[in-house]
Structure formats: C-alpha cells, structure tokens
Protein backbone atom coordinates (compact mmCIF):
# COMPACT_ATOMS: atom_id res chain seq x y z
CA MET A 1 -144.13 -110.64 -86.05
CA ASN A 2 -142.43 -109.07 -89.27
CA THR A 3 -141.84 -105.61 -87.24
CA ALA A 4 -140.37 -106.90 -84.58
CA LEU A 5 -138.18 -108.89 -87.12
CA TYR A 6 -137.22 -105.67 -88.81
CA ILE A 7 -136.91 -104.29 -84.95
CA ALA A 8 -134.51 -107.00 -83.96
CA LYS A 9 -132.37 -106.87 -87.21
CA ARG A 10 -131.89 -102.62 -87.33
CA TYR A 11 -131.12 -103.38 -82.92
CA ILE A 12 -128.36 -105.74 -84.25
CA PHE A 13 -126.87 -103.86 -87.05
CA SER A 14 -127.04 -100.33 -85.58
CA LYS A 15 -124.88 -98.91 -83.55
CA LYS A 16 -125.44 -98.42 -80.14
CA SER A 17 -124.80 -95.96 -77.23
CA HIS A 18 -121.88 -98.06 -74.97
CA SER A 19 -119.43 -99.36 -76.95
CA ALA A 20 -119.15 -102.39 -74.47
CA ILE A 21 -122.60 -103.70 -75.84
CA ASN A 22 -120.90 -103.88 -79.22
CA ILE A 23 -117.73 -105.90 -78.05
CA ILE A 24 -120.19 -107.97 -75.84
CA SER A 25 -122.18 -108.92 -79.11
CA LEU A 26 -118.73 -109.61 -80.92
CA ILE A 27 -117.05 -111.39 -78.78
CA SER A 28 -120.96 -113.62 -78.38
CA VAL A 29 -121.32 -114.05 -82.46
CA LEU A 30 -116.97 -114.71 -82.04
CA GLY A 31 -117.70 -117.48 -79.73
CA ILE A 32 -119.98 -119.03 -81.88
CA PHE A 33 -118.42 -119.00 -84.73
CA ILE A 34 -115.48 -120.58 -83.56
CA SER A 35 -117.69 -123.68 -81.68
CA THR A 36 -119.30 -124.01 -85.26
CA THR A 37 -116.05 -123.86 -87.00
CA ALA A 38 -114.59 -126.12 -84.91
CA MET A 39 -117.24 -128.79 -84.67
CA ILE A 40 -117.41 -128.49 -89.09
CA ILE A 41 -113.81 -129.25 -88.77
CA VAL A 42 -113.43 -131.95 -86.26
CA LEU A 43 -116.62 -134.35 -87.40
CA SER A 44 -114.82 -133.80 -90.90
CA ALA A 45 -111.73 -134.89 -89.74
CA PHE A 46 -113.66 -138.24 -88.04
CA ASN A 47 -115.65 -139.14 -91.51
CA GLY A 48 -112.12 -139.07 -92.40
CA ILE A 49 -110.39 -141.41 -90.39
CA GLU A 50 -113.34 -143.70 -90.57
CA GLY A 51 -113.87 -143.84 -94.64
CA LEU A 52 -110.02 -144.45 -94.62
CA VAL A 53 -110.51 -147.18 -91.97
CA GLU A 54 -113.42 -148.73 -94.20
CA ASN A 55 -111.21 -148.40 -97.35
CA LEU A 56 -107.82 -150.25 -95.82
CA PHE A 57 -110.18 -152.54 -94.49
CA SER A 58 -111.65 -153.24 -98.00
CA SER A 59 -108.22 -154.38 -99.66
CA PHE A 60 -108.51 -157.17 -97.14
CA ASP A 61 -111.78 -157.91 -95.58
CA PRO A 62 -114.79 -158.94 -97.24
CA SER A 63 -118.28 -157.33 -97.64
CA LEU A 64 -119.82 -160.56 -95.51
CA LYS A 65 -117.47 -163.17 -93.73
CA ILE A 66 -118.90 -166.69 -92.85
CA THR A 67 -117.06 -168.44 -89.93
CA ILE A 68 -118.05 -171.81 -87.85
CA ARG A 69 -119.41 -170.55 -84.13
CA GLU A 70 -117.37 -173.56 -82.31
CA GLY A 71 -114.02 -174.91 -83.69
CA LYS A 72 -111.90 -173.22 -86.01
CA THR A 73 -112.93 -175.63 -89.49
CA PHE A 74 -115.66 -176.69 -91.06
CA ASP A 75 -116.60 -178.66 -93.98
CA GLU A 76 -116.40 -177.05 -97.54
CA ASN A 77 -119.85 -179.21 -98.49
CA GLU A 78 -121.59 -178.19 -95.86
CA ILE A 79 -122.56 -175.06 -97.68
CA ASN A 80 -123.40 -174.41 -100.76
CA ILE A 81 -121.49 -171.94 -102.68
CA ASN A 82 -123.85 -172.09 -105.96
CA GLN A 83 -127.08 -171.26 -103.62
CA LEU A 84 -124.95 -168.61 -102.22
CA LYS A 85 -124.08 -167.12 -105.54
CA ALA A 86 -128.13 -167.34 -106.79
CA ILE A 87 -128.37 -164.41 -104.08
CA ASP A 88 -129.82 -161.53 -105.75
CA GLY A 89 -127.17 -158.47 -104.51
CA ILE A 90 -123.89 -161.10 -103.75
CA ALA A 91 -120.89 -160.52 -106.80
CA GLU A 92 -118.79 -163.00 -105.78
CA VAL A 93 -118.01 -166.00 -103.39
CA SER A 94 -114.62 -167.37 -101.70
CA LYS A 95 -113.11 -170.23 -99.63
CA VAL A 96 -110.35 -169.94 -97.49
CA ILE A 97 -108.14 -171.28 -94.88
CA GLU A 98 -106.23 -169.31 -92.43
CA GLU A 99 -103.51 -170.72 -89.60
CA ILE A 100 -100.60 -169.70 -88.21
CA THR A 101 -97.86 -171.14 -90.31
CA MET A 102 -93.50 -170.59 -89.57
CA LEU A 103 -91.83 -169.06 -92.52
CA LYS A 104 -87.82 -169.25 -93.71
CA HIS A 105 -85.61 -167.51 -95.49
CA GLY A 106 -82.27 -167.44 -95.72
CA ASP A 107 -81.27 -167.55 -91.84
CA GLN A 108 -84.55 -165.13 -90.80
CA TRP A 109 -87.10 -167.62 -88.88
CA ILE A 110 -90.89 -166.15 -87.94
CA THR A 111 -94.31 -167.06 -87.34
CA ALA A 112 -97.39 -165.66 -89.78
CA THR A 113 -100.99 -166.32 -90.94
CA ILE A 114 -100.82 -168.04 -94.29
CA LYS A 115 -104.18 -167.17 -95.81
CA GLY A 116 -104.86 -170.18 -98.52
CA VAL A 117 -107.99 -168.30 -101.50
CA ASP A 118 -109.55 -169.55 -104.43
CA SER A 119 -108.98 -167.67 -107.63
CA ALA A 120 -112.19 -165.91 -106.74
CA PHE A 121 -110.79 -164.31 -103.66
CA PHE A 122 -109.34 -161.26 -105.65
CA ASP A 123 -112.57 -160.45 -106.88
CA VAL A 124 -114.07 -160.64 -103.18
CA CYS A 125 -111.28 -158.58 -101.79
CA ASN A 126 -109.12 -155.37 -103.85
CA ILE A 127 -105.99 -156.77 -102.38
CA SER A 128 -104.42 -155.53 -105.63
CA SER A 129 -105.03 -152.34 -104.94
CA ALA A 130 -103.03 -152.72 -101.93
CA LEU A 131 -99.73 -154.47 -104.30
CA ILE A 132 -96.41 -151.98 -104.18
CA GLU A 133 -94.59 -154.74 -105.23
CA GLY A 134 -94.73 -157.58 -107.85
CA GLN A 135 -97.63 -159.13 -109.23
CA THR A 136 -101.12 -160.87 -107.50
CA ASP A 137 -100.22 -163.82 -109.36
CA LEU A 138 -100.18 -167.77 -107.38
CA ASN A 139 -98.74 -169.96 -109.48
CA SER A 140 -96.10 -168.32 -111.30
CA ASN A 141 -94.79 -171.08 -114.80
CA GLY A 142 -95.87 -174.01 -112.25
CA PHE A 143 -94.52 -173.06 -109.31
CA GLU A 144 -96.12 -171.88 -106.12
CA SER A 145 -96.57 -168.35 -105.05
CA THR A 146 -97.78 -166.22 -102.40
CA ILE A 147 -98.04 -162.03 -101.78
CA ILE A 148 -96.73 -161.24 -98.69
CA GLY A 149 -97.17 -157.89 -96.02
CA LEU A 150 -94.61 -155.56 -96.54
CA GLY A 151 -93.58 -156.32 -92.41
CA ILE A 152 -92.79 -159.66 -93.30
CA GLN A 153 -91.03 -159.21 -96.22
CA ASN A 154 -88.60 -156.68 -94.23
CA LYS A 155 -88.61 -159.43 -91.21
CA LEU A 156 -87.28 -161.78 -94.02
CA GLN A 157 -85.13 -159.88 -96.10
CA VAL A 158 -86.61 -161.65 -99.39
CA THR A 159 -87.70 -159.94 -102.40
CA SER A 160 -90.67 -160.59 -105.52
CA ASP A 161 -88.33 -159.98 -107.88
CA PRO A 162 -87.77 -163.15 -109.61
CA ARG A 163 -83.47 -162.31 -110.58
CA TYR A 164 -82.80 -162.78 -107.09
CA SER A 165 -83.58 -165.52 -104.23
CA ASN A 166 -87.43 -165.26 -103.80
CA THR A 167 -88.06 -168.57 -102.53
CA ILE A 168 -89.16 -169.40 -98.57
CA THR A 169 -90.10 -172.03 -97.11
CA ALA A 170 -93.77 -172.43 -95.10
CA TYR A 171 -93.78 -175.19 -92.21
CA GLY A 172 -97.22 -176.03 -91.77
CA LEU A 173 -98.53 -177.34 -87.81
CA LEU A 174 -100.42 -180.66 -89.07
CA ARG A 175 -103.43 -181.54 -87.46
CA ASN A 176 -102.94 -185.14 -86.79
CA LYS A 177 -99.59 -184.78 -85.09
CA LYS A 178 -98.73 -184.04 -81.55
CA LEU A 179 -96.12 -181.06 -80.59
CA SER A 180 -93.20 -181.74 -78.92
CA LYS A 181 -89.70 -180.73 -77.96
CA ASN A 182 -88.22 -183.22 -80.86
CA ASN A 183 -91.09 -184.11 -83.08
CA ARG A 184 -90.10 -182.08 -86.24
CA LYS A 185 -92.63 -184.57 -88.12
CA ALA A 186 -95.96 -182.54 -86.72
CA PHE A 187 -94.25 -179.60 -89.21
CA LYS A 188 -94.84 -180.35 -93.44
CA PRO A 189 -91.81 -177.63 -94.98
CA LEU A 190 -93.07 -176.56 -98.90
CA MET A 191 -91.51 -174.22 -100.38
CA LEU A 192 -92.82 -170.83 -102.30
CA ASN A 193 -92.08 -167.80 -104.36
CA VAL A 194 -93.05 -164.63 -103.39
CA SER A 195 -94.43 -163.06 -106.49
CA GLY A 196 -96.00 -160.12 -104.60
CA VAL A 197 -95.46 -157.25 -101.63
CA PHE A 198 -98.41 -155.68 -100.44
CA SER A 199 -98.91 -153.03 -97.65
CA ILE A 200 -102.15 -152.01 -95.99
CA ASN A 201 -101.54 -151.51 -92.71
CA PRO A 202 -99.16 -152.64 -89.94
CA GLU A 203 -101.70 -155.32 -88.55
CA PHE A 204 -101.85 -156.82 -91.88
CA ASP A 205 -98.39 -155.91 -93.29
CA ASN A 206 -96.75 -158.16 -90.15
CA GLN A 207 -99.21 -160.65 -90.18
CA TYR A 208 -100.51 -161.99 -93.48
CA ILE A 209 -99.38 -163.96 -96.36
CA ILE A 210 -101.73 -165.36 -99.01
CA THR A 211 -101.47 -168.02 -101.27
CA SER A 212 -103.53 -170.35 -102.77
CA LEU A 213 -106.36 -172.52 -101.75
CA ASP A 214 -104.67 -175.88 -102.54
CA PHE A 215 -101.46 -175.33 -101.80
CA THR A 216 -102.19 -174.20 -98.28
CA LYS A 217 -104.62 -177.22 -98.23
CA LYS A 218 -101.64 -179.67 -99.05
CA LEU A 219 -99.56 -177.80 -96.42
CA LEU A 220 -101.35 -178.38 -93.75
CA GLU A 221 -102.97 -181.64 -95.01
CA TYR A 222 -106.05 -180.48 -95.23
CA ASN A 223 -108.67 -182.02 -97.45
CA SER A 224 -111.98 -180.29 -97.45
CA ALA A 225 -111.39 -178.18 -94.61
CA ILE A 226 -112.15 -174.74 -94.65
CA THR A 227 -112.02 -171.87 -91.87
CA ALA A 228 -114.36 -169.41 -93.91
CA ILE A 229 -116.15 -168.53 -96.54
CA GLU A 230 -115.74 -164.47 -98.01
CA ILE A 231 -119.05 -162.68 -99.83
CA SER A 232 -118.44 -159.81 -101.83
CA ILE A 233 -121.77 -157.51 -102.63
CA LYS A 234 -122.80 -155.16 -105.64
CA GLU A 235 -122.24 -151.56 -104.89
CA ASP A 236 -126.17 -150.86 -104.77
CA ALA A 237 -126.68 -154.01 -102.13
CA SER A 238 -127.77 -153.92 -98.19
CA ALA A 239 -124.86 -155.96 -96.41
CA LYS A 240 -127.85 -156.56 -93.57
CA GLU A 241 -131.15 -157.47 -95.99
CA ILE A 242 -127.93 -160.32 -97.72
CA LYS A 243 -126.79 -161.16 -94.00
CA ASN A 244 -130.31 -161.94 -93.56
CA GLN A 245 -131.25 -163.83 -96.42
CA ILE A 246 -128.36 -166.45 -95.76
CA SER A 247 -128.64 -166.43 -91.96
CA SER A 248 -132.09 -168.26 -93.41
CA MET A 249 -130.36 -170.87 -95.12
CA LEU A 250 -127.99 -171.98 -92.55
CA ASP A 251 -128.14 -173.55 -89.17
CA ASP A 252 -126.65 -172.36 -85.99
CA ASN A 253 -123.53 -173.96 -86.23
CA PHE A 254 -122.20 -170.36 -88.44
CA ILE A 255 -122.09 -166.85 -88.19
CA ILE A 256 -122.36 -164.12 -90.97
CA LYS A 257 -120.51 -160.90 -89.80
CA THR A 258 -120.36 -157.12 -92.27
CA ARG A 259 -117.17 -155.89 -93.15
CA TYR A 260 -118.23 -152.92 -89.77
CA GLU A 261 -119.26 -156.36 -87.39
CA GLN A 262 -115.91 -157.95 -88.23
CA ASN A 263 -113.68 -154.57 -87.40
CA GLU A 264 -116.65 -153.30 -84.63
CA LEU A 265 -114.21 -152.26 -82.23
CA ILE A 266 -112.18 -149.71 -84.80
CA PHE A 267 -115.73 -148.52 -85.76
CA LYS A 268 -117.16 -148.18 -82.60
CA THR A 269 -114.37 -146.83 -81.23
CA ASN A 270 -114.18 -144.18 -84.11
CA GLN A 271 -117.75 -143.05 -83.50
CA THR A 272 -117.23 -143.20 -79.79
CA GLU A 273 -114.51 -140.64 -80.03
CA LYS A 274 -116.14 -138.30 -82.39
CA TRP A 275 -119.08 -138.03 -80.55
CA MET A 276 -117.40 -137.28 -77.15
CA VAL A 277 -115.51 -134.43 -79.21
CA PHE A 278 -118.81 -133.14 -80.53
CA LEU A 279 -120.59 -133.16 -76.99
CA ILE A 280 -117.53 -131.54 -75.57
CA LEU A 281 -117.31 -129.03 -78.42
CA GLY A 282 -121.23 -128.80 -77.60
CA PHE A 283 -121.07 -127.26 -74.52
CA ILE A 284 -118.21 -125.09 -75.06
CA LEU A 285 -120.98 -123.57 -77.58
CA ILE A 286 -123.32 -123.72 -74.62
CA LEU A 287 -121.03 -121.56 -72.76
CA SER A 288 -120.74 -119.28 -75.59
CA THR A 289 -124.35 -118.35 -75.20
CA PHE A 290 -123.91 -116.57 -71.95
CA ASN A 291 -122.09 -114.15 -73.73
CA ILE A 292 -125.32 -113.53 -75.78
CA ILE A 293 -127.62 -113.71 -72.27
CA ALA A 294 -125.02 -110.60 -71.21
CA SER A 295 -125.14 -108.68 -74.81
CA ILE A 296 -128.95 -108.43 -74.54
CA SER A 297 -129.09 -107.70 -71.30
CA MET A 298 -127.26 -104.65 -71.70
CA LEU A 299 -128.82 -104.08 -75.06
CA LEU A 300 -132.80 -103.99 -73.28
CA PHE A 301 -131.47 -101.45 -70.27
CA ASP A 302 -129.57 -99.44 -73.49
CA LYS A 303 -133.00 -99.44 -75.72
CA GLN A 304 -135.56 -98.12 -72.39
CA LYS A 305 -136.41 -95.11 -73.99
CA ASP A 306 -137.40 -97.29 -77.87
CA ILE A 307 -139.34 -99.18 -75.47
CA LYS A 308 -141.57 -96.79 -73.84
CA THR A 309 -142.09 -95.64 -77.61
CA LEU A 310 -143.11 -98.77 -78.45
CA ILE A 311 -145.61 -99.21 -75.38
CA SER A 312 -147.12 -96.00 -75.57
CA MET A 313 -147.77 -97.62 -79.74
CA GLY A 314 -149.39 -100.31 -78.07
CA ALA A 315 -146.38 -103.03 -78.21
CA THR A 316 -147.45 -105.31 -75.48
CA GLN A 317 -145.33 -107.54 -73.68
CA SER A 318 -145.28 -110.66 -76.03
CA PHE A 319 -144.44 -107.98 -79.14
CA ILE A 320 -141.05 -106.88 -76.87
CA GLN A 321 -139.85 -110.01 -75.60
CA ARG A 322 -139.99 -111.09 -79.72
CA ILE A 323 -137.89 -108.42 -80.46
CA PHE A 324 -135.12 -108.99 -78.41
CA PHE A 325 -135.74 -112.81 -78.73
CA LEU A 326 -134.51 -112.64 -82.25
CA GLU A 327 -132.04 -110.48 -81.29
CA GLY A 328 -130.45 -113.31 -79.43
CA LEU A 329 -131.41 -115.81 -82.17
CA PHE A 330 -129.86 -113.97 -84.54
CA ILE A 331 -126.38 -113.35 -83.07
CA ASN A 332 -126.43 -117.39 -82.68
CA ILE A 333 -127.45 -117.79 -86.59
CA LEU A 334 -124.99 -115.30 -87.79
CA GLY A 335 -122.22 -116.71 -85.53
CA GLY A 336 -122.73 -120.53 -86.62
CA VAL A 337 -123.58 -119.76 -90.50
CA ILE A 338 -120.22 -117.72 -90.44
CA GLY A 339 -118.40 -120.49 -88.92
CA ILE A 340 -119.53 -122.87 -91.17
CA LEU A 341 -119.09 -121.45 -94.02
CA VAL A 342 -115.27 -120.68 -92.27
CA GLY A 343 -115.51 -124.50 -91.37
CA LEU A 344 -116.07 -125.54 -94.92
CA GLY A 345 -113.84 -123.41 -96.35
CA ILE A 346 -110.93 -125.12 -93.96
CA CYS A 347 -112.10 -128.75 -94.95
CA PHE A 348 -112.25 -128.28 -98.75
CA LEU A 349 -108.51 -126.46 -98.65
CA GLN A 350 -107.08 -129.61 -96.76
CA ILE A 351 -108.59 -131.91 -99.43
CA LYS A 352 -107.15 -130.20 -102.27
CA PHE A 353 -103.98 -128.76 -100.98
CA HIS A 354 -103.32 -131.25 -97.80
CA LEU A 355 -101.83 -128.89 -95.76
CA VAL A 356 -102.26 -131.54 -92.34
CA GLU A 357 -99.69 -133.72 -92.92
CA LEU A 358 -99.34 -136.76 -91.67
CA GLN A 359 -95.61 -138.34 -90.13
CA ASN A 360 -95.57 -142.38 -90.06
CA SER A 361 -98.89 -143.28 -91.25
CA VAL A 362 -100.82 -145.07 -94.61
CA ILE A 363 -101.44 -141.86 -95.88
CA ASP A 364 -99.18 -137.82 -95.90
CA TYR A 365 -102.10 -136.24 -94.90
CA TRP A 366 -105.24 -136.03 -92.60
CA PRO A 367 -108.49 -137.09 -94.22
CA ILE A 368 -111.38 -134.99 -94.24
CA GLU A 369 -114.64 -136.20 -95.33
CA ILE A 370 -117.95 -133.81 -95.08
CA GLU A 371 -121.36 -135.46 -94.96
CA ILE A 372 -124.47 -133.40 -94.94
CA LYS A 373 -126.00 -134.95 -92.06
CA ASP A 374 -123.23 -133.75 -90.13
CA LEU A 375 -123.56 -130.05 -91.05
CA LEU A 376 -127.35 -129.83 -90.42
CA LEU A 377 -126.53 -131.68 -86.74
CA VAL A 378 -124.39 -128.38 -86.15
CA PHE A 379 -126.83 -126.26 -87.75
CA SER A 380 -129.86 -127.91 -85.60
CA THR A 381 -127.56 -127.72 -82.88
CA ILE A 382 -127.32 -123.91 -83.22
CA ILE A 383 -131.02 -123.37 -83.75
CA ILE A 384 -132.03 -125.32 -80.33
CA ILE A 385 -129.55 -123.56 -78.60
CA GLY A 386 -130.08 -120.02 -79.64
CA VAL A 387 -133.72 -120.71 -78.96
CA VAL A 388 -133.74 -121.83 -75.46
CA SER A 389 -130.44 -119.46 -74.51
CA SER A 390 -133.13 -116.31 -76.12
CA TYR A 391 -136.24 -117.31 -75.09
CA LEU A 392 -135.47 -118.17 -71.39
CA PRO A 393 -133.44 -115.21 -70.57
CA VAL A 394 -135.66 -112.60 -72.36
CA LYS A 395 -138.71 -113.60 -71.05
CA TYR A 396 -137.20 -113.12 -67.94
CA LEU A 397 -136.03 -109.63 -68.28
CA ILE A 398 -138.67 -108.62 -70.32
CA ARG A 399 -141.42 -109.87 -67.27
CA LYS A 400 -139.37 -108.15 -64.75
CA GLN A 401 -138.42 -105.28 -66.51
CA PHE A 402 -142.22 -104.61 -67.16
CA SER A 403 -143.13 -105.02 -63.65
CA LYS A 404 -140.45 -102.57 -62.33
CA SER A 405 -140.30 -99.67 -65.33
CA PHE A 406 -143.45 -99.87 -67.55
C-alpha cells in the first residue's frame, strides 16, 4: 500500500503529457473546494441564526414552563413551589399570569398581553438584558409600574421618563362579567406608570407589557389563579431530566415544556432549512465528482506505459487499482481540506469584521457560529463521496483495461 500511495502522490502533482488532464484535475479540485466552502459557511450561518433565536427567546421564555392542559388558569396552590425549588438543578421559580388587556394613553387605544410576574421572574428570564430605556422597577415610589415592548411604546406614544406623561391605563376583562356592547362594567381600569421599555423582537415588542403579579390579580380580579409557572435551571443542568422529575411530581392535568418545545416550530423550521441546504450542496458535491471520474479515466490512458512497466515488475491488478483509487481520493481530500480552511477563514472574518450586514433586523450583521460536529460532518461526507466516486469507477476501468490491453 505504501508503494501505491507514493505513486498516487507522484501522479497527482506530476506534469501530464496532455494539458487537458491537468485542467480537468484542477476543475475537480475546484468543484470540491467550492462545494465544501459553501457547506461550512451555510451550516455556520444557520447555527448563528439558531443561536440568535435561542438568545432572543431566553430573554423572555423560561427554561421550563408549566401550564394547565385544559382551560387557561389553575390555582397556584395546586403546585408546591418549595418542592419544585428543592429539585437539584432548578435555580428559580416564578408565578405568572398572562391575559389580553386594553391599554390607553391619551387618545391612543391598543390591545396587548399583560404579563403579571412575581419578584423571581427577573431571575428566571433575562429581560433586563433587553431593556433599552428606563429600568425594571415594577413598583416606583409605591405606585404600580410596568415595562413595555418597544412596539407598544410607539403605538401609545408614551415614554418611561417620569418628567413627562408616562402613565397608561390598563383595562382588564373580568371573568365573572358578561361582555356586551354597552356593558362597561365588564372592564376594570387601573393606572400604571411606564418604568422601562424592552426590545427583543417584533413579536414580543408589539404584544407584551410586564407588571407585578399583585397588580394583575387586582386588575383581573383573580384570587389565587395563575396561568403558568416559569422555571430557570442552572447552567450545568439538563432541562429534559428536570422536566421528567417535575412530571413525576405532577398529575396529567399539567403540561411541562422546555424552551425548545415552547418555540418548537421556529427551531424545527431552522433545522429543516439547514439540512435541506446541506443536502442540496451535497448533491452539488456529488456532481463535482464526475470531473474526478473523467480525470482518472484520462490519467489511466495517459499512464498506460507506466502500468505496463509495473505489470512487468510483478504488479497485480489490485495494486494498479489502488494507485488510481488513491489518486481520486487525494483529489477529493485536497479540494475538501482547502474548502474547509477557506470556509473557516471566511466565517472568522465575518465574526470579527461583520462583513455581511443585515438591514432592519434585531442585529446589524449576519451571525456566525462554528460547530465542530459540522466540520466533522462535512469532512466525513467528503471522504464517503470520495471513496465511492473513486473506488467504483476505478475498479470498472482497471478491469476493462486489463481485459483489453494487458
């Protein structure tokens, strides 16, 4: 095998008698190189988008969320909070109420989702990292306050600056009142100061305001009812394992979802797009190997004298076959390695210098995240395609050549 390896390396770098062979070999390497580079860049770009989405949702969505299976609310005493906190790996637990409400500021009216939270919420979700104005204080000088999404701020034309008019009115729809055209008693108005403004993404910015759990209960006339329990976990903890532990504590009336499951459609869509693009680029890579077959075929005819010499020295058919098999494999590996290195170089340039910008997005540039498993996947794909595209044609051509000429 060492002799076959040496001869194959000599053939790949040596000058051929026909320049067309060199050109086809160069095109083969170039095709593998371009396909591999594209794979590295595209996979890293999709990883960056997935990481961005995860970071965005981590500002608002908890690691784990418990809701009722049927209906909307449940009694907060149905779940033992202290028992949840005792589970190894759980960092904090927060009670939450979410409900549709109407908001008014001046002559502006809009509908929004009010999210009532207790003091533990800011340890469960990293909403403070998304704050662009004001502070996260939900009780300013004894007056109930709220932090609102940027989209809601723009619609209501309100500021968090206490020097200006920063008071809004929330109208809560009472569950024990019937809603009719002239029945204003179905709504309970309470006033709030805007203490801060957050910006995560348009979905949240145009939908949510966050205030205290006590205020929300008062607004909606809830007693001990809540809509969810949100949980944060420690960095080294497994969300799936903790979910299983919580499931064993609760009955079937409750649903427990990880952050991934809360936004399953978004993450699955991103993964599906990623692998569809990978398959398309893989197909292009396979097409590029046809140039390798052509290159090996021409090289085989170009080196007929060498083959006869080797046969006269005792070389077998399998030995000759190994030489040209390694030749095709070298072309794949050479193009693949150069493509991986160039792809990584382009990714690092994007990470450092933000060459590709994004317009009207939550960030100013395209995010890139390189993962070792993607590099291994691309390299493994190159090896597999190289072995198949080299072995089968070479075996056929050598057998045919031996039967005719040797």
